[in-house]
Amino acid sequence: MIGDTDAQSHVVGVVLLLGLTVVALGGLTAVVGSVVDGHTATADETRVANTFETAFRPVEQTGQRTARVRFTDGRLTTVERELRVLNDSGVQRAVPIDAMVYESGDNRVRFLGGSVVRGTQGNAWLETDLPVTATRDDTAVIVGAPLVNASGGTVSGTGGVTAGIRQNISHERERLPTDNYSVAIETETPRPFAEYFQRVGATTQVRDIDGDGVQSVVASFPGQRTLYLVRHDMRTEVSHG
């Protein structure tokens, strides 16, 4: 015969077991929710990066272009960035290229300087190469400078967002006389830019040129070279829908 004490212990044991089960299920729900959110964020990042790669090709295009960027959560905005051409005397040209940025939590995708960049400061990579290169005979440097030149505000939201992007692209080429040149691009993710410049034969350093808190990757090309600066003005309009 089970006494009152044993019965009470049994009831308490069942209650504790049910409580632990509820806690475990709650933790499992939280984990599942985090995994789902993580997959959604990654899918958004991939989708935006693919759209940027397709829509932002100013070096190859001229005239009017339209595209739509879709994401579940986050915001699409522009930030101020400059590309600079320097010689031993200092800055010779400063081009306000700016950057188109998608961000959602820790996920980032940027169109900057003609390249699509993914990832955060400590873990970022270039999806596409920069339009900056040196000729094989080491006599010239060609610097493509895509200007976002955006009008319109930030587009943001949750539960499904579509941003319209309209461009009207034109080009202007300038030849700078033979000299010792460096090219500097402002960025919060300097490592992948430095790695690219090193692949095309430049030496690099990272420094804040104008004291605004944003570092630049400064790529120096050895020897006396002619520099061709090609501005690709995108005249971008960003809007909802």
Protein backbone atom coordinates (compact mmCIF):
# COMPACT_ATOMS: atom_id res chain seq x y z
CA MET A 1 0.00 0.00 0.00
CA ILE A 2 1.40 3.36 -1.01
CA GLY A 3 1.47 5.88 1.81
CA ASP A 4 0.61 9.55 1.55
CA THR A 5 4.29 10.48 1.50
CA ASP A 6 5.04 8.10 -1.34
CA ALA A 7 2.02 9.36 -3.29
CA GLN A 8 3.08 12.95 -2.81
CA SER A 9 6.63 12.10 -3.93
CA HIS A 10 5.24 10.43 -7.04
CA VAL A 11 3.13 13.48 -7.89
CA VAL A 12 6.06 15.81 -7.32
CA GLY A 13 8.23 13.61 -9.54
CA VAL A 14 5.66 13.71 -12.35
CA VAL A 15 5.37 17.51 -12.05
CA LEU A 16 9.16 17.91 -12.19
CA LEU A 17 9.36 15.62 -15.19
CA LEU A 18 6.65 17.57 -17.00
CA GLY A 19 8.42 20.82 -16.12
CA LEU A 20 11.73 19.59 -17.49
CA THR A 21 9.97 18.42 -20.65
CA VAL A 22 8.41 21.86 -21.14
CA VAL A 23 11.79 23.54 -20.62
CA ALA A 24 13.44 21.16 -23.08
CA LEU A 25 10.75 21.74 -25.69
CA GLY A 26 11.06 25.46 -25.19
CA GLY A 27 14.81 25.27 -25.76
CA LEU A 28 14.30 23.12 -28.84
CA THR A 29 11.79 25.64 -30.20
CA ALA A 30 14.30 28.44 -29.67
CA VAL A 31 17.03 26.48 -31.46
CA VAL A 32 14.74 25.63 -34.37
CA GLY A 33 13.68 29.26 -34.59
CA SER A 34 17.30 30.41 -34.65
CA VAL A 35 18.15 27.92 -37.39
CA VAL A 36 15.17 29.04 -39.49
CA ASP A 37 16.07 32.71 -38.98
CA GLY A 38 19.68 31.95 -39.88
CA HIS A 39 18.70 30.17 -43.09
CA THR A 40 16.36 33.05 -44.01
CA ALA A 41 19.08 35.63 -43.41
CA THR A 42 21.61 33.63 -45.45
CA ALA A 43 19.10 33.21 -48.27
CA ASP A 44 18.44 36.96 -48.26
CA GLU A 45 22.16 37.70 -48.34
CA THR A 46 22.69 35.34 -51.27
CA ARG A 47 19.68 36.70 -53.16
CA VAL A 48 20.81 40.32 -52.70
CA ALA A 49 24.40 39.48 -53.70
CA ASN A 50 23.19 37.77 -56.87
CA THR A 51 21.01 40.77 -57.72
CA PHE A 52 23.90 43.18 -57.13
CA GLU A 53 26.13 41.10 -59.40
CA THR A 54 23.53 41.16 -62.17
CA ALA A 55 22.25 44.71 -61.77
CA PHE A 56 25.46 46.60 -60.97
CA ARG A 57 27.67 46.15 -64.03
CA PRO A 58 28.47 49.78 -64.87
CA VAL A 59 31.77 49.00 -66.58
CA GLU A 60 29.92 46.98 -69.23
CA GLN A 61 26.70 48.99 -69.54
CA THR A 62 25.53 52.37 -70.77
CA GLY A 63 22.16 54.09 -70.56
CA GLN A 64 19.11 53.23 -68.49
CA ARG A 65 18.85 50.06 -66.43
CA THR A 66 16.30 48.88 -63.86
CA ALA A 67 16.35 46.10 -61.27
CA ARG A 68 14.57 44.98 -58.12
CA VAL A 69 16.16 43.81 -54.90
CA ARG A 70 14.04 41.51 -52.72
CA PHE A 71 14.70 40.43 -49.15
CA THR A 72 12.67 39.18 -46.19
CA ASP A 73 14.09 41.51 -43.55
CA GLY A 74 16.68 44.27 -43.41
CA ARG A 75 17.45 47.52 -45.12
CA LEU A 76 19.03 48.82 -48.30
CA THR A 77 20.86 52.12 -48.07
CA THR A 78 23.92 54.03 -49.29
CA VAL A 79 27.00 55.15 -47.39
CA GLU A 80 29.66 57.68 -48.31
CA ARG A 81 32.90 56.24 -49.65
CA GLU A 82 35.73 57.70 -51.73
CA LEU A 83 38.25 56.39 -54.20
CA ARG A 84 41.44 58.41 -54.34
CA VAL A 85 44.36 58.57 -56.73
CA LEU A 86 47.60 59.60 -55.05
CA ASN A 87 51.18 60.28 -56.07
CA ASP A 88 54.20 61.29 -53.99
CA SER A 89 52.77 64.80 -53.62
CA GLY A 90 49.43 63.65 -52.16
CA VAL A 91 45.86 63.19 -53.38
CA GLN A 92 45.48 63.98 -57.09
CA ARG A 93 41.87 62.87 -57.55
CA ALA A 94 39.08 62.14 -55.06
CA VAL A 95 36.03 60.39 -56.50
CA PRO A 96 32.84 60.03 -54.37
CA ILE A 97 32.04 56.46 -55.38
CA ASP A 98 29.86 55.65 -52.31
CA ALA A 99 28.53 52.15 -51.60
CA MET A 100 25.15 50.44 -51.84
CA VAL A 101 24.67 48.40 -48.67
CA TYR A 102 22.21 45.70 -47.65
CA GLU A 103 22.26 44.75 -43.97
CA SER A 104 20.19 42.49 -41.77
CA GLY A 105 21.58 41.67 -38.36
CA ASP A 106 25.14 40.50 -38.91
CA ASN A 107 24.60 39.88 -42.62
CA ARG A 108 26.10 42.40 -45.02
CA VAL A 109 26.27 42.77 -48.79
CA ARG A 110 27.87 45.81 -50.41
CA PHE A 111 28.43 47.11 -53.89
CA LEU A 112 31.60 49.15 -53.58
CA GLY A 113 34.09 50.31 -56.15
CA GLY A 114 32.71 47.97 -58.79
CA SER A 115 32.88 44.87 -56.59
CA VAL A 116 30.23 42.95 -54.66
CA VAL A 117 31.45 42.33 -51.11
CA ARG A 118 29.92 39.88 -48.63
CA GLY A 119 30.55 39.33 -44.95
CA THR A 120 31.55 41.32 -41.88
CA GLN A 121 34.76 43.12 -41.08
CA GLY A 122 36.56 40.05 -39.78
CA ASN A 123 35.19 37.65 -42.39
CA ALA A 124 34.51 39.29 -45.74
CA TRP A 125 35.24 38.36 -49.33
CA LEU A 126 34.81 39.75 -52.84
CA GLU A 127 32.19 38.07 -54.98
CA THR A 128 33.47 40.01 -58.01
CA ASP A 129 36.84 41.59 -58.75
CA LEU A 130 37.54 45.31 -58.75
CA PRO A 131 37.84 47.11 -62.11
CA VAL A 132 41.38 48.19 -61.23
CA THR A 133 44.34 46.57 -62.95
CA ALA A 134 47.80 47.14 -64.37
CA THR A 135 48.93 46.46 -67.92
CA ARG A 136 51.21 43.48 -68.55
CA ASP A 137 54.10 45.73 -69.61
CA ASP A 138 53.87 47.72 -66.33
CA THR A 139 53.45 51.03 -68.16
CA ALA A 140 49.89 51.88 -67.13
CA VAL A 141 47.24 51.46 -64.44
CA ILE A 142 43.56 51.40 -65.37
CA VAL A 143 41.23 52.48 -62.58
CA GLY A 144 37.51 51.99 -63.00
CA ALA A 145 35.56 54.14 -60.56
CA PRO A 146 31.82 53.28 -60.48
CA LEU A 147 29.90 56.11 -58.81
CA VAL A 148 26.68 54.96 -57.14
CA ASN A 149 25.51 58.60 -57.14
CA ALA A 150 22.25 57.66 -55.43
CA SER A 151 19.07 59.60 -54.84
CA GLY A 152 16.19 58.35 -52.73
CA GLY A 153 16.16 57.19 -49.14
CA THR A 154 16.71 53.97 -47.30
CA VAL A 155 14.38 51.08 -48.09
CA SER A 156 13.74 48.79 -45.13
CA GLY A 157 11.14 46.51 -43.60
CA THR A 158 10.24 43.02 -42.44
CA GLY A 159 8.11 40.22 -43.82
CA GLY A 160 9.09 40.80 -47.44
CA VAL A 161 10.59 43.94 -48.98
CA THR A 162 11.14 44.96 -52.60
CA ALA A 163 13.37 47.87 -53.54
CA GLY A 164 13.43 49.32 -57.03
CA ILE A 165 16.76 50.43 -58.50
CA ARG A 166 16.98 52.60 -61.59
CA GLN A 167 20.27 53.63 -63.21
CA ASN A 168 21.31 55.89 -66.06
CA ILE A 169 24.94 55.03 -66.74
CA SER A 170 27.49 57.20 -68.50
CA HIS A 171 31.29 57.09 -68.73
CA GLU A 172 34.14 59.59 -68.66
CA ARG A 173 37.83 58.76 -69.15
CA GLU A 174 40.75 60.84 -67.94
CA ARG A 175 44.46 60.25 -68.62
CA LEU A 176 46.89 61.26 -65.90
CA PRO A 177 50.55 61.82 -66.78
CA THR A 178 53.24 59.27 -65.98
CA ASP A 179 54.06 59.22 -62.26
CA ASN A 180 54.31 57.01 -59.18
CA TYR A 181 50.67 56.25 -58.38
CA SER A 182 48.65 54.70 -55.59
CA VAL A 183 44.93 53.97 -55.56
CA ALA A 184 42.98 54.11 -52.29
CA ILE A 185 39.47 52.80 -51.61
CA GLU A 186 37.59 53.50 -48.39
CA THR A 187 36.09 50.36 -46.88
CA GLU A 188 35.16 48.77 -43.56
CA THR A 189 36.40 45.40 -44.89
CA PRO A 190 39.98 46.08 -46.00
CA ARG A 191 41.37 42.53 -46.10
CA PRO A 192 39.71 41.26 -49.33
CA PHE A 193 40.51 44.54 -51.13
CA ALA A 194 44.14 44.30 -50.06
CA GLU A 195 44.31 40.70 -51.24
CA TYR A 196 42.91 41.68 -54.65
CA PHE A 197 45.39 44.54 -55.11
CA GLN A 198 48.28 42.27 -54.17
CA ARG A 199 47.17 39.80 -56.86
CA VAL A 200 47.46 42.52 -59.52
CA GLY A 201 50.98 43.50 -58.47
CA ALA A 202 50.49 46.30 -55.95
CA THR A 203 51.82 46.66 -52.43
CA THR A 204 49.21 47.66 -49.85
CA GLN A 205 48.73 49.43 -46.58
CA VAL A 206 45.63 50.38 -44.60
CA ARG A 207 45.19 53.87 -43.19
CA ASP A 208 42.62 56.59 -42.58
CA ILE A 209 43.51 59.21 -45.17
CA ASP A 210 41.08 61.99 -44.23
CA GLY A 211 40.54 61.30 -40.52
CA ASP A 212 36.84 60.44 -40.87
CA GLY A 213 37.18 57.09 -39.10
CA VAL A 214 36.88 54.98 -42.27
CA GLN A 215 40.07 53.24 -43.34
CA SER A 216 41.31 53.04 -46.90
CA VAL A 217 43.21 50.26 -48.60
CA VAL A 218 46.08 52.07 -50.34
CA ALA A 219 47.50 50.11 -53.27
CA SER A 220 50.84 51.34 -54.64
CA PHE A 221 51.98 50.29 -58.11
CA PRO A 222 55.77 50.22 -58.48
CA GLY A 223 57.51 52.37 -61.07
CA GLN A 224 56.47 55.26 -63.24
CA ARG A 225 53.15 54.61 -64.97
CA THR A 226 50.40 56.38 -66.86
CA LEU A 227 47.07 56.18 -65.04
CA TYR A 228 43.71 56.04 -66.77
CA LEU A 229 40.81 56.99 -64.51
CA VAL A 230 37.44 55.91 -65.90
CA ARG A 231 34.41 57.24 -64.03
CA HIS A 232 31.25 55.16 -64.49
CA ASP A 233 28.46 57.42 -63.24
CA MET A 234 25.47 55.22 -62.40
CA ARG A 235 23.05 57.99 -61.26
CA THR A 236 21.12 55.49 -59.14
CA GLU A 237 17.58 55.99 -57.88
CA VAL A 238 16.38 53.77 -55.03
CA SER A 239 12.72 53.47 -54.10
CA HIS A 240 10.18 51.09 -52.57
CA GLY A 241 8.82 48.55 -55.04
